[in-house]
N, C-alpha and C. Protein backbone atom coordinates (compact mmCIF):
# COMPACT_ATOMS: atom_id res chain seq x y z
N MET A 1 122.64 84.81 81.70
CA MET A 1 122.42 85.38 82.98
C MET A 1 121.97 86.74 82.80
N ARG A 2 121.12 86.96 83.68
CA ARG A 2 120.43 88.21 83.84
C ARG A 2 120.97 89.05 84.91
N GLU A 3 121.17 90.33 85.39
CA GLU A 3 121.55 90.78 86.46
C GLU A 3 121.52 92.52 86.63
N LEU A 4 121.17 92.89 87.72
CA LEU A 4 120.80 94.41 87.94
C LEU A 4 121.82 94.56 89.00
N ARG A 5 122.86 95.25 88.58
CA ARG A 5 123.89 95.68 89.29
C ARG A 5 124.16 97.11 89.63
N PRO A 6 124.41 97.42 90.96
CA PRO A 6 124.70 98.72 91.05
C PRO A 6 125.77 99.81 90.38
N LEU A 7 125.39 101.00 90.18
CA LEU A 7 126.57 101.77 89.46
C LEU A 7 127.40 102.11 90.43
N THR A 8 128.76 101.77 90.18
CA THR A 8 130.05 101.97 90.60
C THR A 8 131.07 102.70 89.75
N PRO A 9 131.95 103.28 90.43
CA PRO A 9 133.33 103.98 89.65
C PRO A 9 133.46 103.02 88.33
N ASP A 10 133.67 101.83 88.72
CA ASP A 10 134.36 101.15 87.71
C ASP A 10 133.54 100.51 86.64
N ARG A 11 132.33 101.02 86.72
CA ARG A 11 131.33 100.46 85.73
C ARG A 11 130.72 101.49 84.95
N VAL A 12 131.25 102.52 85.19
CA VAL A 12 130.54 103.87 84.16
C VAL A 12 131.08 103.54 82.92
N GLY A 13 132.25 102.61 82.52
CA GLY A 13 132.26 102.45 80.89
C GLY A 13 130.99 102.06 80.64
N ASP A 14 130.19 100.92 81.49
CA ASP A 14 129.01 100.01 80.73
C ASP A 14 127.99 101.10 80.63
N LEU A 15 127.47 102.52 80.70
CA LEU A 15 126.75 103.05 80.85
C LEU A 15 126.29 103.26 79.18
N VAL A 16 124.86 103.19 79.13
CA VAL A 16 124.39 102.89 77.44
C VAL A 16 123.78 104.30 77.04
N GLY A 17 123.82 104.30 75.67
CA GLY A 17 122.59 105.18 75.32
C GLY A 17 123.53 106.05 74.12
N SER A 18 122.75 106.84 73.45
CA SER A 18 123.51 107.63 72.27
C SER A 18 124.68 108.64 72.65
N CYS A 19 124.43 109.05 73.98
CA CYS A 19 125.58 110.10 74.42
C CYS A 19 126.69 109.32 75.36
N ALA A 20 126.39 108.25 75.48
CA ALA A 20 127.44 107.52 76.51
C ALA A 20 128.75 107.35 76.32
N PRO A 21 129.47 107.64 77.46
CA PRO A 21 129.49 108.25 78.66
C PRO A 21 128.96 109.84 78.46
N CYS A 22 128.31 110.23 79.28
CA CYS A 22 127.27 111.46 79.31
C CYS A 22 127.77 111.75 80.60
N THR A 23 128.32 113.21 80.87
CA THR A 23 128.40 114.24 81.92
C THR A 23 126.99 115.31 82.13
N PHE A 24 126.27 115.31 81.15
CA PHE A 24 125.40 116.24 81.07
C PHE A 24 124.65 116.63 82.53
N TRP A 25 124.21 115.56 83.13
CA TRP A 25 123.82 116.26 84.53
C TRP A 25 124.36 116.53 85.80
N GLN A 26 125.79 115.90 85.34
CA GLN A 26 126.82 115.93 86.67
C GLN A 26 127.45 117.26 86.32
N THR A 27 127.33 118.16 85.38
CA THR A 27 128.16 119.44 85.20
C THR A 27 127.26 120.51 84.77
N VAL A 28 127.84 121.82 85.13
CA VAL A 28 127.48 122.98 84.91
C VAL A 28 127.44 123.01 82.92
N PRO A 29 126.56 123.98 82.51
CA PRO A 29 126.53 124.13 81.12
C PRO A 29 128.17 124.16 80.30
N ARG A 30 128.66 124.74 81.02
CA ARG A 30 129.99 125.29 80.54
C ARG A 30 131.29 124.38 80.51
N ASN A 31 130.90 123.14 81.10
CA ASN A 31 131.75 121.73 81.11
C ASN A 31 131.39 120.87 80.62
N GLY A 32 131.47 119.53 80.51
CA GLY A 32 130.86 118.32 80.03
C GLY A 32 131.68 117.45 78.86
N HIS A 33 131.49 118.33 77.94
CA HIS A 33 132.05 117.09 76.58
C HIS A 33 133.23 117.82 76.11
N SER A 34 133.96 118.92 76.89
CA SER A 34 135.30 119.34 75.85
C SER A 34 136.36 118.47 75.75
N ASP A 35 136.34 117.62 76.66
CA ASP A 35 137.47 116.71 76.30
C ASP A 35 137.13 115.16 76.27
N PRO A 36 137.65 114.39 75.46
CA PRO A 36 137.01 112.88 74.95
C PRO A 36 137.31 112.14 76.14
N SER A 37 138.60 112.69 76.86
CA SER A 37 138.89 111.66 78.06
C SER A 37 138.74 112.00 79.44
N GLU A 38 137.68 113.27 79.26
CA GLU A 38 137.00 113.48 80.61
C GLU A 38 136.06 113.01 81.44
N PRO A 39 134.99 112.42 80.17
CA PRO A 39 133.52 111.95 81.03
C PRO A 39 133.78 110.61 81.84
N LEU A 40 134.50 109.84 81.48
CA LEU A 40 134.70 108.86 82.45
C LEU A 40 135.18 108.99 83.58
N VAL A 41 136.25 109.87 83.53
CA VAL A 41 136.79 110.23 84.77
C VAL A 41 135.98 110.80 85.57
N LEU A 42 135.37 111.87 84.80
CA LEU A 42 134.03 112.97 85.81
C LEU A 42 133.15 112.04 86.37
N LEU A 43 132.34 111.08 85.59
CA LEU A 43 131.50 109.79 86.11
C LEU A 43 131.94 109.42 87.24
N ALA A 44 133.45 108.66 87.16
CA ALA A 44 133.48 107.89 87.94
C ALA A 44 134.00 108.53 89.27
N GLU A 45 134.18 110.06 89.38
CA GLU A 45 134.38 110.66 90.62
C GLU A 45 133.10 110.90 90.83
N TRP A 46 132.01 111.37 90.11
CA TRP A 46 130.70 111.75 90.71
C TRP A 46 130.13 110.50 91.50
N VAL A 47 130.36 109.22 90.57
CA VAL A 47 129.77 108.21 91.31
C VAL A 47 130.28 107.73 92.89
N GLU A 48 131.57 108.28 92.76
CA GLU A 48 132.17 107.77 94.05
C GLU A 48 131.76 109.01 95.28
N SER A 49 131.28 110.02 94.71
CA SER A 49 131.29 111.23 95.66
C SER A 49 129.81 110.81 96.23
N VAL A 50 129.04 110.46 95.34
CA VAL A 50 127.36 110.09 95.54
C VAL A 50 127.28 108.59 96.26
N THR A 51 127.96 108.04 95.76
CA THR A 51 128.05 106.68 96.88
C THR A 51 128.59 107.02 98.17
N ALA A 52 129.44 107.89 98.44
CA ALA A 52 129.83 108.11 99.74
C ALA A 52 128.75 109.03 100.32
N ASP A 53 128.18 109.73 100.00
CA ASP A 53 126.92 110.78 100.70
C ASP A 53 125.85 109.91 100.57
N TRP A 54 125.33 109.16 99.62
CA TRP A 54 124.16 108.68 99.81
C TRP A 54 123.98 107.14 99.23
N GLY A 55 125.03 106.76 98.36
CA GLY A 55 124.77 105.46 98.25
C GLY A 55 124.89 105.13 96.82
N PRO A 56 124.99 103.97 96.13
CA PRO A 56 125.28 103.78 94.62
C PRO A 56 124.20 104.65 93.68
N PRO A 57 124.44 105.55 92.85
CA PRO A 57 123.19 106.26 92.65
C PRO A 57 123.08 105.52 91.09
N GLY A 58 122.55 104.46 91.38
CA GLY A 58 121.58 104.10 89.99
C GLY A 58 122.08 102.22 90.28
N ARG A 59 121.39 101.62 89.07
CA ARG A 59 121.78 100.38 88.55
C ARG A 59 121.99 100.37 86.90
N ILE A 60 123.10 99.19 86.76
CA ILE A 60 123.01 98.86 85.32
C ILE A 60 122.53 97.33 85.02
N ALA A 61 121.83 97.13 84.12
CA ALA A 61 121.14 95.73 83.76
C ALA A 61 122.19 95.16 82.92
N TYR A 62 122.17 94.15 83.25
CA TYR A 62 123.28 92.98 82.24
C TYR A 62 122.52 91.71 81.73
N LEU A 63 122.61 91.49 80.37
CA LEU A 63 122.57 90.12 80.04
C LEU A 63 123.38 89.39 79.36
N ASP A 64 123.90 88.36 79.87
CA ASP A 64 124.97 87.56 80.06
C ASP A 64 126.38 88.48 80.13
N GLY A 65 126.34 89.66 80.82
CA GLY A 65 127.27 90.23 80.90
C GLY A 65 127.44 91.41 80.16
N GLN A 66 126.77 91.56 79.01
CA GLN A 66 126.69 92.47 78.54
C GLN A 66 125.76 93.84 78.72
N PRO A 67 125.90 94.89 78.97
CA PRO A 67 125.15 96.25 79.15
C PRO A 67 123.86 96.29 78.59
N ALA A 68 122.88 96.22 78.93
CA ALA A 68 121.69 96.39 78.50
C ALA A 68 120.82 97.44 78.57
N GLY A 69 121.32 98.28 79.78
CA GLY A 69 120.60 99.32 80.11
C GLY A 69 121.24 100.06 81.33
N HIS A 70 120.59 101.28 81.95
CA HIS A 70 120.79 101.82 82.98
C HIS A 70 119.90 103.01 83.61
N VAL A 71 119.84 102.91 84.90
CA VAL A 71 119.02 104.09 85.66
C VAL A 71 120.04 104.71 86.34
N VAL A 72 119.58 106.12 86.78
CA VAL A 72 120.69 107.03 87.62
C VAL A 72 119.72 107.91 88.38
N VAL A 73 120.23 107.80 89.44
CA VAL A 73 119.46 108.36 90.88
C VAL A 73 120.36 109.21 91.37
N ALA A 74 119.69 110.44 91.88
CA ALA A 74 120.77 110.97 93.18
C ALA A 74 120.13 112.00 93.62
N PRO A 75 120.33 112.45 94.61
CA PRO A 75 119.85 113.85 95.55
C PRO A 75 120.08 114.84 94.80
N ALA A 76 119.31 115.93 94.82
CA ALA A 76 119.59 116.97 93.77
C ALA A 76 121.03 117.71 94.17
N ARG A 77 121.32 117.94 95.54
CA ARG A 77 122.47 118.65 95.60
C ARG A 77 123.69 117.93 94.80
N HIS A 78 123.63 116.70 93.83
CA HIS A 78 124.78 116.49 93.40
C HIS A 78 124.24 116.10 91.90
N VAL A 79 123.21 116.62 91.48
CA VAL A 79 123.26 116.96 90.22
C VAL A 79 123.16 118.60 89.68
N ALA A 80 124.22 118.98 89.41
CA ALA A 80 124.73 120.13 88.90
C ALA A 80 123.77 120.97 87.76
N ARG A 81 123.45 120.05 87.04
CA ARG A 81 122.64 120.59 85.58
C ARG A 81 121.50 121.10 86.01
N LEU A 82 120.89 120.79 87.29
CA LEU A 82 119.58 120.89 87.63
C LEU A 82 119.26 122.62 87.79
N ALA A 83 120.45 123.28 88.22
CA ALA A 83 120.51 124.73 87.94
C ALA A 83 120.25 125.10 87.25
N ALA A 84 120.30 124.70 85.69
CA ALA A 84 119.86 125.29 84.54
C ALA A 84 118.70 125.27 84.37
N PHE A 85 117.69 124.59 85.05
CA PHE A 85 116.18 124.72 84.45
C PHE A 85 115.35 125.15 85.69
N PRO A 86 114.70 125.93 84.78
CA PRO A 86 113.65 126.67 85.96
C PRO A 86 112.62 126.06 86.74
N THR A 87 112.72 124.47 86.76
CA THR A 87 111.83 123.65 87.80
C THR A 87 112.38 123.01 88.37
N SER A 88 113.88 123.43 88.65
CA SER A 88 114.57 122.25 90.11
C SER A 88 114.02 122.70 91.14
N PRO A 89 114.08 121.63 91.73
CA PRO A 89 113.69 121.65 93.14
C PRO A 89 114.39 122.29 94.49
N SER A 90 113.64 123.20 94.95
CA SER A 90 114.32 123.97 96.18
C SER A 90 114.98 123.35 97.23
N ASP A 91 114.64 122.02 97.52
CA ASP A 91 115.06 121.05 98.48
C ASP A 91 116.32 120.67 97.98
N PRO A 92 117.68 120.14 98.46
CA PRO A 92 119.08 119.95 98.07
C PRO A 92 118.61 118.56 98.18
N SER A 93 117.89 117.84 99.45
CA SER A 93 117.69 116.35 99.13
C SER A 93 116.79 115.77 98.49
N THR A 94 115.96 116.21 97.71
CA THR A 94 115.16 115.57 96.99
C THR A 94 115.79 114.66 96.04
N LEU A 95 115.36 113.42 95.62
CA LEU A 95 115.78 112.59 95.54
C LEU A 95 115.39 112.58 93.45
N MET A 96 116.50 112.62 92.85
CA MET A 96 115.72 112.59 91.31
C MET A 96 116.36 111.87 90.44
N LEU A 97 115.29 111.30 89.84
CA LEU A 97 115.38 110.04 88.62
C LEU A 97 116.09 111.10 87.76
N VAL A 98 117.37 110.66 87.14
CA VAL A 98 118.48 111.54 86.62
C VAL A 98 118.02 111.20 85.17
N THR A 99 117.81 109.83 85.15
CA THR A 99 117.91 109.33 83.32
C THR A 99 117.64 107.77 83.30
N ALA A 100 116.88 107.42 82.50
CA ALA A 100 116.77 105.88 82.21
C ALA A 100 116.66 105.64 80.90
N VAL A 101 118.06 104.80 80.61
CA VAL A 101 118.18 104.47 78.99
C VAL A 101 118.60 103.18 78.81
N THR A 102 118.29 102.56 77.44
CA THR A 102 118.30 101.04 77.21
C THR A 102 119.12 101.18 75.93
N THR A 103 119.98 100.22 75.63
CA THR A 103 120.29 100.17 73.78
C THR A 103 119.06 99.75 73.18
N PRO A 104 119.39 99.95 71.70
CA PRO A 104 118.27 100.16 70.88
C PRO A 104 117.37 99.00 70.98
N GLU A 105 118.01 97.47 70.89
CA GLU A 105 117.20 96.32 70.68
C GLU A 105 116.51 96.20 72.03
N TYR A 106 116.53 96.89 73.09
CA TYR A 106 115.58 96.99 74.09
C TYR A 106 114.21 98.03 74.18
N ALA A 107 114.49 98.71 73.26
CA ALA A 107 113.44 100.07 73.14
C ALA A 107 111.95 99.68 72.89
N GLY A 108 111.31 100.14 73.59
CA GLY A 108 109.88 99.13 73.78
C GLY A 108 109.37 98.16 74.14
N ARG A 109 110.82 97.50 74.86
CA ARG A 109 110.20 96.31 75.29
C ARG A 109 110.06 96.02 76.85
N GLY A 110 109.89 97.32 77.54
CA GLY A 110 109.82 97.39 79.08
C GLY A 110 111.08 97.42 79.82
N LEU A 111 111.94 97.24 79.43
CA LEU A 111 113.28 97.47 80.12
C LEU A 111 113.62 98.66 80.95
N ARG A 112 112.91 99.90 80.36
CA ARG A 112 113.39 101.32 80.71
C ARG A 112 112.30 101.27 82.14
N LYS A 113 110.95 101.01 81.90
CA LYS A 113 110.29 101.10 83.00
C LYS A 113 110.48 100.31 84.21
N ALA A 114 110.86 99.15 83.89
CA ALA A 114 111.62 98.04 85.02
C ALA A 114 112.87 98.58 85.53
N LEU A 115 113.88 99.21 84.73
CA LEU A 115 114.50 100.03 85.99
C LEU A 115 114.36 101.15 86.35
N VAL A 116 113.17 101.80 86.23
CA VAL A 116 112.61 103.13 86.76
C VAL A 116 112.24 102.40 88.15
N GLN A 117 111.41 101.14 88.03
CA GLN A 117 111.00 100.82 89.39
C GLN A 117 112.03 99.92 90.20
N SER A 118 113.39 99.78 89.55
CA SER A 118 114.12 99.29 90.46
C SER A 118 114.95 100.24 91.03
N ALA A 119 114.69 101.83 90.70
CA ALA A 119 115.22 103.01 91.38
C ALA A 119 114.25 103.37 92.53
N ALA A 120 113.07 102.95 92.27
CA ALA A 120 112.19 103.24 93.26
C ALA A 120 112.11 102.39 94.56
N LYS A 121 112.65 101.13 93.85
CA LYS A 121 112.76 100.16 95.21
C LYS A 121 113.90 100.54 96.24
N ASP A 122 115.04 100.95 95.34
CA ASP A 122 116.22 101.28 95.90
C ASP A 122 115.79 102.58 96.88
N ALA A 123 114.91 103.65 96.42
CA ALA A 123 114.52 104.69 97.01
C ALA A 123 113.83 104.23 98.36
N LEU A 124 113.06 103.45 98.19
CA LEU A 124 112.60 103.10 99.51
C LEU A 124 113.17 102.20 100.44
N ARG A 125 114.06 101.73 100.11
CA ARG A 125 115.25 101.27 101.16
C ARG A 125 115.85 102.13 101.71
N HIS A 126 115.88 103.74 101.27
CA HIS A 126 116.48 104.75 102.09
C HIS A 126 115.28 105.78 102.68
N ARG A 127 114.12 105.02 102.76
CA ARG A 127 113.10 105.44 103.36
C ARG A 127 112.84 107.18 102.69
N VAL A 128 112.84 107.03 101.42
CA VAL A 128 112.76 108.17 100.73
C VAL A 128 110.88 108.24 100.30
N ARG A 129 110.36 109.04 100.57
CA ARG A 129 108.91 109.45 100.16
C ARG A 129 108.39 109.10 98.68
N SER A 130 109.27 110.17 98.15
CA SER A 130 109.26 110.42 96.97
C SER A 130 110.14 110.30 95.94
N LEU A 131 109.90 110.69 94.73
CA LEU A 131 110.85 110.29 93.24
C LEU A 131 110.47 111.25 92.62
N GLU A 132 111.42 112.22 92.35
CA GLU A 132 111.04 113.32 91.29
C GLU A 132 112.00 113.25 89.73
N ALA A 133 111.34 114.35 88.56
CA ALA A 133 112.48 114.40 87.86
C ALA A 133 112.39 115.37 87.02
N VAL A 134 112.77 116.06 86.30
CA VAL A 134 112.78 117.30 85.44
C VAL A 134 112.82 116.85 83.96
N ALA A 135 111.84 116.68 83.40
CA ALA A 135 111.70 115.94 81.86
C ALA A 135 111.35 117.32 81.07
N ALA A 136 111.12 116.30 79.80
CA ALA A 136 111.03 117.66 78.54
C ALA A 136 109.65 117.32 77.77
N ARG A 137 109.12 118.48 77.31
CA ARG A 137 107.69 118.28 76.71
C ARG A 137 108.09 118.04 75.49
N PRO A 138 107.29 117.52 74.36
CA PRO A 138 107.40 117.05 72.73
C PRO A 138 108.25 118.40 72.33
N LEU A 139 107.42 119.51 72.83
CA LEU A 139 108.04 120.51 71.95
C LEU A 139 109.19 121.88 72.85
N ALA A 140 109.89 120.86 73.57
CA ALA A 140 110.86 121.34 74.04
C ALA A 140 112.21 121.51 73.04
N VAL A 141 112.66 122.86 73.11
CA VAL A 141 113.86 123.09 71.78
C VAL A 141 115.25 122.60 72.53
N SER A 142 115.70 122.05 71.45
CA SER A 142 117.29 121.58 71.75
C SER A 142 116.95 120.48 73.03
N ARG A 143 116.12 119.51 73.24
CA ARG A 143 116.15 118.34 74.11
C ARG A 143 117.35 117.46 74.25
N HIS A 144 117.91 117.72 74.97
CA HIS A 144 119.08 116.53 75.29
C HIS A 144 118.72 115.38 75.49
N ALA A 145 119.49 114.04 74.76
CA ALA A 145 118.89 113.23 74.78
C ALA A 145 118.89 112.22 76.42
N CYS A 146 119.65 113.04 77.15
CA CYS A 146 119.52 112.40 78.73
C CYS A 146 118.61 112.99 79.33
N VAL A 147 117.50 114.02 78.91
CA VAL A 147 116.34 114.41 79.31
C VAL A 147 115.10 113.34 79.47
N LEU A 148 114.61 113.00 80.45
CA LEU A 148 113.40 112.23 80.52
C LEU A 148 112.38 112.76 79.71
N ASP A 149 111.60 111.98 78.78
CA ASP A 149 110.68 112.45 77.82
C ASP A 149 108.98 112.51 78.96
N VAL A 150 108.21 113.60 79.25
CA VAL A 150 107.29 113.69 79.90
C VAL A 150 106.16 112.54 79.76
N GLY A 151 106.12 112.23 78.65
CA GLY A 151 105.20 111.05 78.08
C GLY A 151 105.48 109.78 78.87
N PHE A 152 106.73 109.13 78.93
CA PHE A 152 107.19 108.20 79.45
C PHE A 152 107.07 108.07 80.86
N LEU A 153 107.47 109.07 81.66
CA LEU A 153 107.18 109.14 83.08
C LEU A 153 106.07 109.20 83.27
N GLU A 154 104.92 109.71 82.97
CA GLU A 154 103.48 109.90 83.18
C GLU A 154 102.85 108.48 83.08
N LYS A 155 103.35 107.67 81.89
CA LYS A 155 102.99 106.41 81.73
C LYS A 155 103.49 105.36 83.16
N VAL A 156 104.32 105.62 83.83
CA VAL A 156 105.15 104.83 84.75
C VAL A 156 104.43 105.05 86.09
N GLY A 157 103.61 106.43 86.17
CA GLY A 157 103.17 106.87 87.33
C GLY A 157 103.39 108.31 88.24
N PHE A 158 104.18 108.99 87.38
CA PHE A 158 104.60 110.22 87.43
C PHE A 158 103.62 110.89 87.33
N ARG A 159 103.46 112.14 87.96
CA ARG A 159 102.52 113.42 87.72
C ARG A 159 103.17 114.57 88.09
N VAL A 160 102.73 115.62 86.69
CA VAL A 160 103.23 116.80 87.10
C VAL A 160 103.59 117.36 88.38
N GLU A 161 104.40 118.04 89.26
CA GLU A 161 104.41 118.47 90.32
C GLU A 161 105.03 120.29 90.29
N ARG A 162 105.32 120.78 89.20
CA ARG A 162 105.45 122.10 89.26
C ARG A 162 105.57 121.94 87.53
N ASP A 163 104.66 122.51 87.15
CA ASP A 163 104.45 122.73 85.29
C ASP A 163 105.15 123.88 84.74
N HIS A 164 105.53 123.52 83.36
CA HIS A 164 106.45 124.21 82.87
C HIS A 164 105.88 124.23 81.26
N PRO A 165 106.06 124.72 80.31
CA PRO A 165 105.61 124.68 78.81
C PRO A 165 106.91 123.39 78.13
N ALA A 166 108.27 123.82 78.56
CA ALA A 166 109.15 122.86 77.91
C ALA A 166 109.78 121.92 79.09
N TYR A 167 109.73 121.98 80.48
CA TYR A 167 110.95 121.36 81.19
C TYR A 167 110.11 121.24 82.69
N PRO A 168 108.93 120.70 82.47
CA PRO A 168 108.11 120.34 84.27
C PRO A 168 108.92 119.35 84.81
N ARG A 169 108.70 119.63 86.21
CA ARG A 169 109.19 118.53 87.28
C ARG A 169 107.76 117.94 87.50
N LEU A 170 108.28 116.38 87.50
CA LEU A 170 107.14 115.73 87.57
C LEU A 170 107.81 114.65 89.25
N ARG A 171 106.66 114.27 89.43
CA ARG A 171 107.12 113.36 90.89
C ARG A 171 106.22 111.95 91.23
N ILE A 172 106.34 110.96 91.92
CA ILE A 172 106.01 109.96 92.20
C ILE A 172 105.83 109.60 93.42
N ASP A 173 105.24 109.64 94.40
CA ASP A 173 104.65 109.31 95.74
C ASP A 173 105.16 107.65 95.99
N LEU A 174 106.00 107.58 96.46
CA LEU A 174 106.30 105.74 96.32
C LEU A 174 105.49 105.36 97.66
N ARG A 175 105.10 106.22 98.46
CA ARG A 175 104.35 105.34 99.84
C ARG A 175 102.82 104.83 98.91
N THR A 176 102.56 104.84 97.58
CA THR A 176 101.41 104.34 97.27
C THR A 176 101.81 103.62 96.21
N VAL A 177 103.06 103.09 96.18
CA VAL A 177 103.56 102.34 94.85
C VAL A 177 104.22 101.09 95.52
N VAL A 178 103.33 100.58 96.50
CA VAL A 178 104.07 99.39 97.36
C VAL A 178 104.41 98.12 96.79
N THR A 179 103.60 98.00 95.35
CA THR A 179 104.03 96.86 94.69
C THR A 179 105.56 96.81 93.93
N LEU A 180 106.36 97.83 93.91
CA LEU A 180 107.42 98.09 93.41
C LEU A 180 108.39 97.20 94.37
N ARG A 181 108.00 97.15 95.61
CA ARG A 181 109.10 96.44 96.34
C ARG A 181 109.28 94.69 95.78
N ASP A 182 108.22 94.20 95.19
CA ASP A 182 108.01 93.00 94.47
C ASP A 182 108.41 92.93 93.15
N GLU A 183 108.00 93.95 92.54
CA GLU A 183 107.93 93.63 90.83
C GLU A 183 109.22 93.92 90.32
N ALA A 184 110.00 94.64 90.98
CA ALA A 184 111.23 94.86 89.81
C ALA A 184 111.78 93.96 89.55
N ALA A 185 112.49 92.89 90.20
CA ALA A 185 112.87 92.19 89.59
C ALA A 185 112.54 90.84 88.62
N ALA A 186 111.27 90.96 88.95
CA ALA A 186 110.56 90.11 87.85
C ALA A 186 110.39 90.82 86.49
N ALA A 187 110.31 92.36 86.70
CA ALA A 187 110.05 92.82 85.44
C ALA A 187 110.93 92.98 84.71
N ILE A 188 112.55 93.15 85.43
CA ILE A 188 113.88 93.46 84.88
C ILE A 188 113.84 91.86 84.04
N ALA A 189 113.26 90.72 84.56
CA ALA A 189 113.54 89.53 83.99
C ALA A 189 112.52 89.33 82.79
N ARG A 190 111.53 89.93 82.90
CA ARG A 190 110.63 89.87 81.67
C ARG A 190 110.89 90.72 80.44
N ALA A 191 111.68 91.67 80.76
CA ALA A 191 112.25 92.90 79.76
C ALA A 191 113.37 91.91 79.11
N LEU A 192 114.14 91.45 80.02
CA LEU A 192 115.47 90.85 79.17
C LEU A 192 115.17 89.67 78.47
N ASP A 193 114.01 88.82 78.62
CA ASP A 193 113.79 87.77 77.82
C ASP A 193 113.29 88.58 76.72
N ARG A 194 112.88 89.52 76.17
CA ARG A 194 112.30 89.83 75.09
C ARG A 194 113.06 90.54 74.17
N VAL A 195 114.16 89.54 73.86
CA VAL A 195 115.18 89.95 73.06
C VAL A 195 115.23 88.94 71.99
N PRO A 196 115.25 89.18 70.57
CA PRO A 196 115.16 88.36 69.38
C PRO A 196 116.44 87.51 69.76
N GLY A 197 116.38 86.21 69.38
CA GLY A 197 117.40 85.29 69.19
C GLY A 197 117.81 84.68 70.93
N VAL A 198 117.16 85.46 72.43
CA VAL A 198 117.35 84.67 73.22
C VAL A 198 116.55 83.85 73.88
N ARG A 199 116.47 82.57 74.04
CA ARG A 199 115.89 81.89 74.29
C ARG A 199 114.98 82.35 75.77
N PRO A 200 113.93 81.85 76.08
CA PRO A 200 113.20 82.66 77.20
C PRO A 200 113.32 81.27 78.05
N VAL A 201 113.65 81.86 79.61
CA VAL A 201 113.61 80.83 80.65
C VAL A 201 112.63 81.24 81.82
N PRO A 202 112.22 80.58 82.12
CA PRO A 202 111.01 80.89 83.47
C PRO A 202 111.62 81.76 84.36
N GLU A 203 110.47 82.72 84.59
CA GLU A 203 111.04 83.79 85.56
C GLU A 203 111.70 83.48 86.82
N SER A 204 110.82 82.37 87.24
CA SER A 204 111.64 82.26 88.76
C SER A 204 111.77 80.47 89.13
N HIS A 205 112.85 80.28 89.55
CA HIS A 205 112.73 79.11 90.03
C HIS A 205 111.56 78.49 90.59
N PRO A 206 111.63 77.22 90.90
CA PRO A 206 110.13 76.02 91.46
C PRO A 206 110.43 76.70 92.99
N SER A 207 111.87 77.33 93.57
CA SER A 207 111.40 77.82 94.89
C SER A 207 110.89 79.08 95.15
N GLY A 208 110.83 79.67 93.88
CA GLY A 208 109.81 80.97 93.91
C GLY A 208 111.09 82.00 93.38
N SER A 209 112.33 81.84 93.73
CA SER A 209 113.39 82.80 93.48
C SER A 209 113.57 83.34 92.13
N SER A 210 113.91 84.64 91.90
CA SER A 210 113.85 85.13 90.44
C SER A 210 115.17 84.92 89.82
N HIS A 211 114.95 84.32 88.43
CA HIS A 211 116.58 84.59 87.70
C HIS A 211 116.76 85.70 87.57
N ALA A 212 116.36 86.39 87.37
CA ALA A 212 116.81 88.09 87.32
C ALA A 212 117.07 88.49 88.72
N HIS A 213 118.24 88.56 89.16
CA HIS A 213 118.57 89.05 90.74
C HIS A 213 119.25 90.41 90.88
N VAL A 214 118.71 91.11 91.68
CA VAL A 214 119.65 92.34 92.04
C VAL A 214 120.98 92.00 92.61
N SER A 215 122.01 92.65 92.37
CA SER A 215 123.07 92.23 92.80
C SER A 215 123.62 93.30 93.74
N ASP A 216 124.46 93.18 94.90
CA ASP A 216 124.40 94.31 95.54
C ASP A 216 126.38 94.18 95.68
N ARG A 217 126.89 93.32 95.00
CA ARG A 217 128.05 93.06 95.25
C ARG A 217 128.82 94.39 94.50
N ASP A 218 129.86 94.39 94.84
CA ASP A 218 130.94 95.70 93.88
C ASP A 218 131.34 94.95 92.76
């Protein structure tokens, strides 16, 4: 079964990636990784805070109950690490794409792009006109694993909003990306089907409903 579930406090342990659980974006530079027991607690509290103020700050993709990737989004006022970047937005309400990560077996299979599409779809539900991200150029010094690369964002439709040699801020106008409303679930289904050893299944039932569905249940 393929599912895309909201990021909730009880699911922070399902975040994936080389540094998960990671509090890079949620903390200022002097905090974050000092105590191995802290990240999950800090992330759960952060998710709870963002959810109360704005809504679930992202989605986690699952295949047969196992996490395959995740995307995190939140208003800039909730992303403490932005203060360390010279291109951080001045408006605290700016919706930021914080990160999008997949497990190694899904690298290059389209899942990360599909997760960004799902984040854009959620943003549209909030009547947000754009989604922004602070990203890293290839020559950025000490690029953290949770800082998205510029090349990936440009491939999925982002454009530089405020340039910088190492860490530009990019933006995508969601009003011009109307296909995201219908394509996110189908893209997730296609990406999750491209796994060695997993038998492909039809992208939709005869009725037209997708096998890969967006779940809003807790």
